[in-house]
Amino acid sequence: LNMQQHKLELAVGFFILLGIVALAFLALQVSGLSFQDARRQTYKITAEFNNVAGLKERAKVSIAGVTVGQVTAIRLDPLSARAVVEMAIDQQVDYLTTDSIAGIKTSGVLGEQYVSISVGGAPDVLEDGGKITDTQSAVVLEDLIGKFMTTMGGK
């Protein structure tokens, strides 16, 4: 009886440990952190937006839905009064052309914001420190609802 109880306690302990490891892994995935971030070779590009509407640092940067980098900093340009978004792009993604378009999208209806890049067809590619000039700002749900209400109220 004692040996069987000992095996049962070991099994329960193992499953609890497994659960804790799974939760830690899940928490890392959700937060956007990964163990590869420190080793990952990246280059820096920037883009200016009229409105970033809830975009946060460490948000993903994607091309065609595939994550190719992350937002490293967001600051306000005092001259243009536009938001400057700094991004770290994976080194192997070396085909971002100078006419690429960066847009702020939302994953799902109430999901988090991320930067989506559409690659253009220009012969020149963006180097480290390059800037995407063609941008599409975030669509703010509150603004859309406000416009909808004013047009419905006007009829």
C-alpha atoms as a PDB file:
ATOM      1  CA  LEU A   1       0.000   0.000   0.000  1.00  0.00           C
ATOM      2  CA  ASN A   2       2.791   2.417   0.914  1.00  0.00           C
ATOM      3  CA  MET A   3       4.700   1.806  -2.355  1.00  0.00           C
ATOM      4  CA  GLN A   4       1.541   2.319  -4.426  1.00  0.00           C
ATOM      5  CA  GLN A   5       0.785   5.586  -2.599  1.00  0.00           C
ATOM      6  CA  HIS A   6       4.368   6.743  -3.243  1.00  0.00           C
ATOM      7  CA  LYS A   7       3.978   6.051  -7.010  1.00  0.00           C
ATOM      8  CA  LEU A   8       0.674   7.939  -7.043  1.00  0.00           C
ATOM      9  CA  GLU A   9       2.262  10.949  -5.320  1.00  0.00           C
ATOM     10  CA  LEU A  10       5.123  10.920  -7.835  1.00  0.00           C
ATOM     11  CA  ALA A  11       2.665  10.793 -10.760  1.00  0.00           C
ATOM     12  CA  VAL A  12       0.616  13.672  -9.347  1.00  0.00           C
ATOM     13  CA  GLY A  13       3.784  15.710  -8.751  1.00  0.00           C
ATOM     14  CA  PHE A  14       4.969  15.024 -12.304  1.00  0.00           C
ATOM     15  CA  PHE A  15       1.652  16.177 -13.805  1.00  0.00           C
ATOM     16  CA  ILE A  16       1.651  19.341 -11.685  1.00  0.00           C
ATOM     17  CA  LEU A  17       5.203  20.098 -12.839  1.00  0.00           C
ATOM     18  CA  LEU A  18       4.156  19.461 -16.438  1.00  0.00           C
ATOM     19  CA  GLY A  19       1.218  21.863 -15.995  1.00  0.00           C
ATOM     20  CA  ILE A  20       3.488  24.607 -14.606  1.00  0.00           C
ATOM     21  CA  VAL A  21       5.921  24.207 -17.524  1.00  0.00           C
ATOM     22  CA  ALA A  22       3.024  24.359 -20.019  1.00  0.00           C
ATOM     23  CA  LEU A  23       1.652  27.535 -18.366  1.00  0.00           C
ATOM     24  CA  ALA A  24       5.090  29.187 -18.420  1.00  0.00           C
ATOM     25  CA  PHE A  25       5.478  28.329 -22.110  1.00  0.00           C
ATOM     26  CA  LEU A  26       2.005  29.693 -22.864  1.00  0.00           C
ATOM     27  CA  ALA A  27       2.722  32.911 -20.947  1.00  0.00           C
ATOM     28  CA  LEU A  28       5.913  33.447 -22.966  1.00  0.00           C
ATOM     29  CA  GLN A  29       4.061  32.846 -26.246  1.00  0.00           C
ATOM     30  CA  VAL A  30       1.276  35.287 -25.360  1.00  0.00           C
ATOM     31  CA  SER A  31       3.682  38.007 -24.168  1.00  0.00           C
ATOM     32  CA  GLY A  32       5.597  37.909 -27.456  1.00  0.00           C
ATOM     33  CA  LEU A  33       8.906  37.120 -25.786  1.00  0.00           C
ATOM     34  CA  SER A  34      10.979  34.218 -26.975  1.00  0.00           C
ATOM     35  CA  PHE A  35      14.329  32.721 -26.201  1.00  0.00           C
ATOM     36  CA  GLN A  36      15.517  33.385 -29.738  1.00  0.00           C
ATOM     37  CA  ASP A  37      15.094  37.183 -29.495  1.00  0.00           C
ATOM     38  CA  ALA A  38      18.590  37.742 -28.094  1.00  0.00           C
ATOM     39  CA  ARG A  39      20.310  35.685 -30.802  1.00  0.00           C
ATOM     40  CA  ARG A  40      18.156  36.893 -33.690  1.00  0.00           C
ATOM     41  CA  GLN A  41      19.979  39.025 -36.271  1.00  0.00           C
ATOM     42  CA  THR A  42      17.875  42.085 -37.158  1.00  0.00           C
ATOM     43  CA  TYR A  43      18.068  45.432 -38.898  1.00  0.00           C
ATOM     44  CA  LYS A  44      16.139  48.572 -38.012  1.00  0.00           C
ATOM     45  CA  ILE A  45      13.565  50.433 -40.113  1.00  0.00           C
ATOM     46  CA  THR A  46      11.075  53.177 -39.246  1.00  0.00           C
ATOM     47  CA  ALA A  47       7.673  54.312 -40.488  1.00  0.00           C
ATOM     48  CA  GLU A  48       5.542  57.369 -39.639  1.00  0.00           C
ATOM     49  CA  PHE A  49       1.813  57.058 -38.958  1.00  0.00           C
ATOM     50  CA  ASN A  50      -0.917  59.652 -38.316  1.00  0.00           C
ATOM     51  CA  ASN A  51      -2.452  57.364 -35.698  1.00  0.00           C
ATOM     52  CA  VAL A  52      -1.045  54.201 -34.094  1.00  0.00           C
ATOM     53  CA  ALA A  53      -4.209  53.623 -31.949  1.00  0.00           C
ATOM     54  CA  GLY A  54      -3.030  51.190 -29.311  1.00  0.00           C
ATOM     55  CA  LEU A  55      -0.007  49.723 -31.111  1.00  0.00           C
ATOM     56  CA  LYS A  56       2.501  48.684 -28.453  1.00  0.00           C
ATOM     57  CA  GLU A  57       6.196  47.938 -28.297  1.00  0.00           C
ATOM     58  CA  ARG A  58       6.954  44.246 -28.965  1.00  0.00           C
ATOM     59  CA  ALA A  59       3.922  44.049 -31.308  1.00  0.00           C
ATOM     60  CA  LYS A  60       4.604  41.788 -34.282  1.00  0.00           C
ATOM     61  CA  VAL A  61       5.552  42.968 -37.751  1.00  0.00           C
ATOM     62  CA  SER A  62       4.306  40.678 -40.518  1.00  0.00           C
ATOM     63  CA  ILE A  63       4.369  40.201 -44.266  1.00  0.00           C
ATOM     64  CA  ALA A  64       1.462  38.183 -45.698  1.00  0.00           C
ATOM     65  CA  GLY A  65       0.586  37.037 -42.183  1.00  0.00           C
ATOM     66  CA  VAL A  66       4.081  35.697 -41.424  1.00  0.00           C
ATOM     67  CA  THR A  67       5.907  37.359 -38.512  1.00  0.00           C
ATOM     68  CA  VAL A  68       9.182  38.912 -39.728  1.00  0.00           C
ATOM     69  CA  GLY A  69      10.016  41.230 -36.830  1.00  0.00           C
ATOM     70  CA  GLN A  70       8.689  43.309 -33.974  1.00  0.00           C
ATOM     71  CA  VAL A  71       8.067  46.914 -32.963  1.00  0.00           C
ATOM     72  CA  THR A  72      10.969  48.134 -30.814  1.00  0.00           C
ATOM     73  CA  ALA A  73       9.950  51.742 -30.102  1.00  0.00           C
ATOM     74  CA  ILE A  74       7.121  54.219 -30.671  1.00  0.00           C
ATOM     75  CA  ARG A  75       7.725  57.949 -30.294  1.00  0.00           C
ATOM     76  CA  LEU A  76       6.186  61.220 -31.414  1.00  0.00           C
ATOM     77  CA  ASP A  77       7.995  63.317 -34.024  1.00  0.00           C
ATOM     78  CA  PRO A  78       7.826  66.903 -32.680  1.00  0.00           C
ATOM     79  CA  LEU A  79       8.064  68.459 -36.173  1.00  0.00           C
ATOM     80  CA  SER A  80       5.408  66.477 -38.045  1.00  0.00           C
ATOM     81  CA  ALA A  81       3.349  65.548 -34.934  1.00  0.00           C
ATOM     82  CA  ARG A  82       3.169  62.007 -36.311  1.00  0.00           C
ATOM     83  CA  ALA A  83       3.963  58.734 -34.556  1.00  0.00           C
ATOM     84  CA  VAL A  84       7.322  57.229 -35.512  1.00  0.00           C
ATOM     85  CA  VAL A  85       7.328  53.424 -35.226  1.00  0.00           C
ATOM     86  CA  GLU A  86      10.729  51.742 -35.040  1.00  0.00           C
ATOM     87  CA  MET A  87      10.865  48.078 -36.080  1.00  0.00           C
ATOM     88  CA  ALA A  88      13.486  45.320 -35.880  1.00  0.00           C
ATOM     89  CA  ILE A  89      13.204  43.148 -39.000  1.00  0.00           C
ATOM     90  CA  ASP A  90      14.843  39.711 -39.301  1.00  0.00           C
ATOM     91  CA  GLN A  91      18.115  39.868 -41.247  1.00  0.00           C
ATOM     92  CA  GLN A  92      17.012  37.208 -43.751  1.00  0.00           C
ATOM     93  CA  VAL A  93      14.062  39.416 -44.806  1.00  0.00           C
ATOM     94  CA  ASP A  94      16.275  41.546 -47.055  1.00  0.00           C
ATOM     95  CA  TYR A  95      13.725  42.223 -49.800  1.00  0.00           C
ATOM     96  CA  LEU A  96      11.711  45.112 -48.307  1.00  0.00           C
ATOM     97  CA  THR A  97      11.644  47.615 -51.161  1.00  0.00           C
ATOM     98  CA  THR A  98      11.670  51.404 -50.773  1.00  0.00           C
ATOM     99  CA  ASP A  99       8.048  51.557 -51.985  1.00  0.00           C
ATOM    100  CA  SER A 100       6.765  49.018 -49.424  1.00  0.00           C
ATOM    101  CA  ILE A 101       3.565  49.971 -47.597  1.00  0.00           C
ATOM    102  CA  ALA A 102       3.257  49.632 -43.804  1.00  0.00           C
ATOM    103  CA  GLY A 103      -0.215  49.488 -42.299  1.00  0.00           C
ATOM    104  CA  ILE A 104      -1.480  49.024 -38.762  1.00  0.00           C
ATOM    105  CA  LYS A 105      -3.949  46.155 -38.614  1.00  0.00           C
ATOM    106  CA  THR A 106      -5.939  44.522 -35.827  1.00  0.00           C
ATOM    107  CA  SER A 107      -5.975  40.748 -35.385  1.00  0.00           C
ATOM    108  CA  GLY A 108      -9.649  39.911 -35.038  1.00  0.00           C
ATOM    109  CA  VAL A 109     -12.356  42.366 -34.004  1.00  0.00           C
ATOM    110  CA  LEU A 110     -10.948  43.225 -30.584  1.00  0.00           C
ATOM    111  CA  GLY A 111      -7.463  41.739 -31.018  1.00  0.00           C
ATOM    112  CA  GLU A 112      -4.127  43.434 -30.631  1.00  0.00           C
ATOM    113  CA  GLN A 113      -2.627  45.788 -33.209  1.00  0.00           C
ATOM    114  CA  TYR A 114       0.329  44.800 -35.371  1.00  0.00           C
ATOM    115  CA  VAL A 115       2.217  46.248 -38.345  1.00  0.00           C
ATOM    116  CA  SER A 116       1.550  44.615 -41.709  1.00  0.00           C
ATOM    117  CA  ILE A 117       4.009  45.320 -44.528  1.00  0.00           C
ATOM    118  CA  SER A 118       3.134  44.939 -48.212  1.00  0.00           C
ATOM    119  CA  VAL A 119       6.297  44.616 -50.283  1.00  0.00           C
ATOM    120  CA  GLY A 120       6.421  46.866 -53.353  1.00  0.00           C
ATOM    121  CA  GLY A 121       8.151  46.385 -56.682  1.00  0.00           C
ATOM    122  CA  ALA A 122      10.899  49.029 -56.600  1.00  0.00           C
ATOM    123  CA  PRO A 123      14.452  47.931 -57.489  1.00  0.00           C
ATOM    124  CA  ASP A 124      15.963  49.463 -54.330  1.00  0.00           C
ATOM    125  CA  VAL A 125      15.666  47.695 -50.959  1.00  0.00           C
ATOM    126  CA  LEU A 126      15.568  49.249 -47.481  1.00  0.00           C
ATOM    127  CA  GLU A 127      18.868  49.162 -45.624  1.00  0.00           C
ATOM    128  CA  ASP A 128      19.437  49.317 -41.851  1.00  0.00           C
ATOM    129  CA  GLY A 129      17.941  52.601 -40.646  1.00  0.00           C
ATOM    130  CA  GLY A 130      15.699  52.861 -43.714  1.00  0.00           C
ATOM    131  CA  LYS A 131      12.250  54.439 -43.671  1.00  0.00           C
ATOM    132  CA  ILE A 132       8.921  53.324 -45.105  1.00  0.00           C
ATOM    133  CA  THR A 133       7.246  56.485 -46.387  1.00  0.00           C
ATOM    134  CA  ASP A 134       3.935  55.014 -47.573  1.00  0.00           C
ATOM    135  CA  THR A 135       1.838  54.145 -44.508  1.00  0.00           C
ATOM    136  CA  GLN A 136      -1.771  53.425 -43.593  1.00  0.00           C
ATOM    137  CA  SER A 137      -2.788  54.436 -40.069  1.00  0.00           C
ATOM    138  CA  ALA A 138      -4.847  52.307 -37.735  1.00  0.00           C
ATOM    139  CA  VAL A 139      -8.613  52.235 -38.144  1.00  0.00           C
ATOM    140  CA  VAL A 140     -10.069  53.361 -34.824  1.00  0.00           C
ATOM    141  CA  LEU A 141     -13.297  51.532 -34.025  1.00  0.00           C
ATOM    142  CA  GLU A 142     -14.664  54.469 -32.008  1.00  0.00           C
ATOM    143  CA  ASP A 143     -14.174  56.840 -34.969  1.00  0.00           C
ATOM    144  CA  LEU A 144     -15.971  54.422 -37.302  1.00  0.00           C
ATOM    145  CA  ILE A 145     -18.898  54.113 -34.903  1.00  0.00           C
ATOM    146  CA  GLY A 146     -19.018  57.911 -34.541  1.00  0.00           C
ATOM    147  CA  LYS A 147     -19.095  58.410 -38.329  1.00  0.00           C
ATOM    148  CA  PHE A 148     -21.775  55.756 -38.686  1.00  0.00           C
ATOM    149  CA  MET A 149     -23.925  57.399 -35.984  1.00  0.00           C
ATOM    150  CA  THR A 150     -23.625  60.878 -37.532  1.00  0.00           C
ATOM    151  CA  THR A 151     -24.559  59.617 -41.009  1.00  0.00           C
ATOM    152  CA  MET A 152     -27.505  57.635 -39.603  1.00  0.00           C
ATOM    153  CA  GLY A 153     -28.601  60.642 -37.554  1.00  0.00           C
ATOM    154  CA  GLY A 154     -28.472  62.900 -40.605  1.00  0.00           C
ATOM    155  CA  LYS A 155     -31.036  60.847 -42.536  1.00  0.00           C
END
